[in-house]
C-alpha atoms as a PDB file:
ATOM      1  CA  MET A   1      -8.891 -26.062  14.132  1.00  0.00           C
ATOM      2  CA  GLU A   2      -5.529 -26.295  15.901  1.00  0.00           C
ATOM      3  CA  LYS A   3      -3.581 -26.382  12.641  1.00  0.00           C
ATOM      4  CA  TYR A   4      -5.330 -23.210  11.543  1.00  0.00           C
ATOM      5  CA  LYS A   5      -4.245 -21.404  14.714  1.00  0.00           C
ATOM      6  CA  PHE A   6      -0.627 -22.111  13.784  1.00  0.00           C
ATOM      7  CA  LEU A   7      -1.129 -20.679  10.289  1.00  0.00           C
ATOM      8  CA  ILE A   8      -2.874 -17.587  11.648  1.00  0.00           C
ATOM      9  CA  ILE A   9      -0.054 -17.011  14.159  1.00  0.00           C
ATOM     10  CA  CYS A  10       2.494 -17.384  11.329  1.00  0.00           C
ATOM     11  CA  PHE A  11       0.556 -14.859   9.235  1.00  0.00           C
ATOM     12  CA  ILE A  12       0.493 -12.367  12.131  1.00  0.00           C
ATOM     13  CA  ILE A  13       4.228 -12.780  12.766  1.00  0.00           C
ATOM     14  CA  ILE A  14       5.105 -12.370   9.076  1.00  0.00           C
ATOM     15  CA  SER A  15       2.869  -9.304   8.848  1.00  0.00           C
ATOM     16  CA  PHE A  16       4.523  -7.775  11.917  1.00  0.00           C
ATOM     17  CA  ILE A  17       8.029  -8.464  10.559  1.00  0.00           C
ATOM     18  CA  SER A  18       7.008  -7.000   7.194  1.00  0.00           C
ATOM     19  CA  VAL A  19       5.856  -3.766   8.839  1.00  0.00           C
ATOM     20  CA  LEU A  20       9.017  -3.521  10.948  1.00  0.00           C
ATOM     21  CA  LEU A  21      11.330  -4.083   7.983  1.00  0.00           C
ATOM     22  CA  THR A  22       9.400  -1.646   5.792  1.00  0.00           C
ATOM     23  CA  CYS A  23       9.635   1.036   8.475  1.00  0.00           C
ATOM     24  CA  TYR A  24      13.326   0.270   8.976  1.00  0.00           C
ATOM     25  CA  ASP A  25      13.929   0.593   5.231  1.00  0.00           C
ATOM     26  CA  LYS A  26      12.248   4.007   5.236  1.00  0.00           C
ATOM     27  CA  ILE A  27      14.465   5.183   8.107  1.00  0.00           C
ATOM     28  CA  ALA A  28      17.547   3.658   6.446  1.00  0.00           C
ATOM     29  CA  ALA A  29      16.754   5.485   3.214  1.00  0.00           C
ATOM     30  CA  LYS A  30      16.680   8.818   5.028  1.00  0.00           C
ATOM     31  CA  ASN A  31      19.870   8.166   7.007  1.00  0.00           C
ATOM     32  CA  GLY A  32      22.040   6.425   4.424  1.00  0.00           C
ATOM     33  CA  TRP A  33      22.084   3.120   6.336  1.00  0.00           C
ATOM     34  CA  TYR A  34      22.090  -0.403   4.920  1.00  0.00           C
ATOM     35  CA  ARG A  35      18.869  -0.914   2.938  1.00  0.00           C
ATOM     36  CA  ILE A  36      16.769  -4.028   2.659  1.00  0.00           C
ATOM     37  CA  PRO A  37      16.853  -5.344  -0.922  1.00  0.00           C
ATOM     38  CA  GLU A  38      13.603  -4.916  -2.847  1.00  0.00           C
ATOM     39  CA  ALA A  39      13.580  -8.650  -3.592  1.00  0.00           C
ATOM     40  CA  GLY A  40      13.654  -9.355   0.141  1.00  0.00           C
ATOM     41  CA  LEU A  41      10.678  -7.100   0.789  1.00  0.00           C
ATOM     42  CA  MET A  42       8.757  -8.657  -2.092  1.00  0.00           C
ATOM     43  CA  CYS A  43       9.487 -12.160  -0.747  1.00  0.00           C
ATOM     44  CA  LEU A  44       8.067 -11.157   2.622  1.00  0.00           C
ATOM     45  CA  GLY A  45       4.958  -9.985   0.815  1.00  0.00           C
ATOM     46  CA  LEU A  46       4.703 -13.231  -1.077  1.00  0.00           C
ATOM     47  CA  ILE A  47       4.810 -15.384   2.063  1.00  0.00           C
ATOM     48  CA  GLY A  48       2.028 -13.449   3.750  1.00  0.00           C
ATOM     49  CA  GLY A  49       3.086  -9.899   4.513  1.00  0.00           C
ATOM     50  CA  ALA A  50       1.724  -8.208   1.394  1.00  0.00           C
ATOM     51  CA  ILE A  51      -1.404  -6.702   2.969  1.00  0.00           C
ATOM     52  CA  SER A  52       0.338  -5.176   5.966  1.00  0.00           C
ATOM     53  CA  MET A  53       3.298  -4.063   3.858  1.00  0.00           C
ATOM     54  CA  TYR A  54       1.084  -2.354   1.281  1.00  0.00           C
ATOM     55  CA  ILE A  55      -0.882  -0.536   3.987  1.00  0.00           C
ATOM     56  CA  ILE A  56       2.220   0.669   5.842  1.00  0.00           C
ATOM     57  CA  MET A  57       3.915   1.761   2.605  1.00  0.00           C
ATOM     58  CA  ARG A  58       0.904   3.931   1.804  1.00  0.00           C
ATOM     59  CA  ILE A  59       0.806   5.353   5.351  1.00  0.00           C
ATOM     60  CA  ILE A  60       4.516   6.236   5.562  1.00  0.00           C
ATOM     61  CA  HIS A  61       4.839   7.070   1.821  1.00  0.00           C
ATOM     62  CA  HIS A  62       7.652   4.604   1.246  1.00  0.00           C
ATOM     63  CA  LYS A  63       8.286   3.157  -2.225  1.00  0.00           C
ATOM     64  CA  THR A  64       4.935   4.490  -3.433  1.00  0.00           C
ATOM     65  CA  LYS A  65       6.551   5.607  -6.708  1.00  0.00           C
ATOM     66  CA  HIS A  66       8.024   2.169  -7.377  1.00  0.00           C
ATOM     67  CA  ARG A  67       5.884   0.200  -9.835  1.00  0.00           C
ATOM     68  CA  LEU A  68       7.277  -3.058  -8.467  1.00  0.00           C
ATOM     69  CA  PHE A  69       5.611  -2.388  -5.132  1.00  0.00           C
ATOM     70  CA  MET A  70       2.481  -0.531  -6.175  1.00  0.00           C
ATOM     71  CA  ILE A  71       1.584  -3.203  -8.750  1.00  0.00           C
ATOM     72  CA  GLY A  72       3.410  -6.208  -7.320  1.00  0.00           C
ATOM     73  CA  LEU A  73       2.053  -6.013  -3.774  1.00  0.00           C
ATOM     74  CA  PRO A  74      -1.622  -5.918  -4.836  1.00  0.00           C
ATOM     75  CA  ILE A  75      -0.936  -8.980  -7.005  1.00  0.00           C
ATOM     76  CA  GLU A  76       0.674 -10.655  -3.996  1.00  0.00           C
ATOM     77  CA  ILE A  77      -2.335  -9.699  -1.864  1.00  0.00           C
ATOM     78  CA  ILE A  78      -4.602 -11.494  -4.326  1.00  0.00           C
ATOM     79  CA  LEU A  79      -2.285 -14.522  -4.246  1.00  0.00           C
ATOM     80  CA  ASN A  80      -2.275 -14.457  -0.433  1.00  0.00           C
ATOM     81  CA  ILE A  81      -6.089 -14.395  -0.380  1.00  0.00           C
ATOM     82  CA  VAL A  82      -6.313 -17.263  -2.872  1.00  0.00           C
ATOM     83  CA  ILE A  83      -3.851 -19.322  -0.819  1.00  0.00           C
ATOM     84  CA  PHE A  84      -5.726 -18.472   2.387  1.00  0.00           C
ATOM     85  CA  PHE A  85      -9.018 -19.730   0.980  1.00  0.00           C
ATOM     86  CA  ALA A  86      -7.364 -22.774  -0.575  1.00  0.00           C
ATOM     87  CA  VAL A  87      -5.913 -23.756   2.823  1.00  0.00           C
ATOM     88  CA  PHE A  88      -8.908 -22.945   5.013  1.00  0.00           C
ATOM     89  CA  TYR A  89     -11.733 -24.017   2.707  1.00  0.00           C
ATOM     90  CA  LYS A  90     -10.430 -27.028   0.844  1.00  0.00           C
END
């Protein structure tokens, strides 16, 4: 059970970072600041931040017109769930 705690903590940290960077990107878009590349955001989703990123994007209406995110993140969510069950229930 100890090894699972580490994975859960990693998931929480990645989710938190994903939300922060998504919110930052929204603010940066409005203010003309340096933006986070879309590939970087998608990579965060792939390593575990897809669920939190998708939820926050819908809440703050950020990148909701981008097909890459509105189709890609749900696919990443499914992949995250499959990986989660593969790790915890092997």
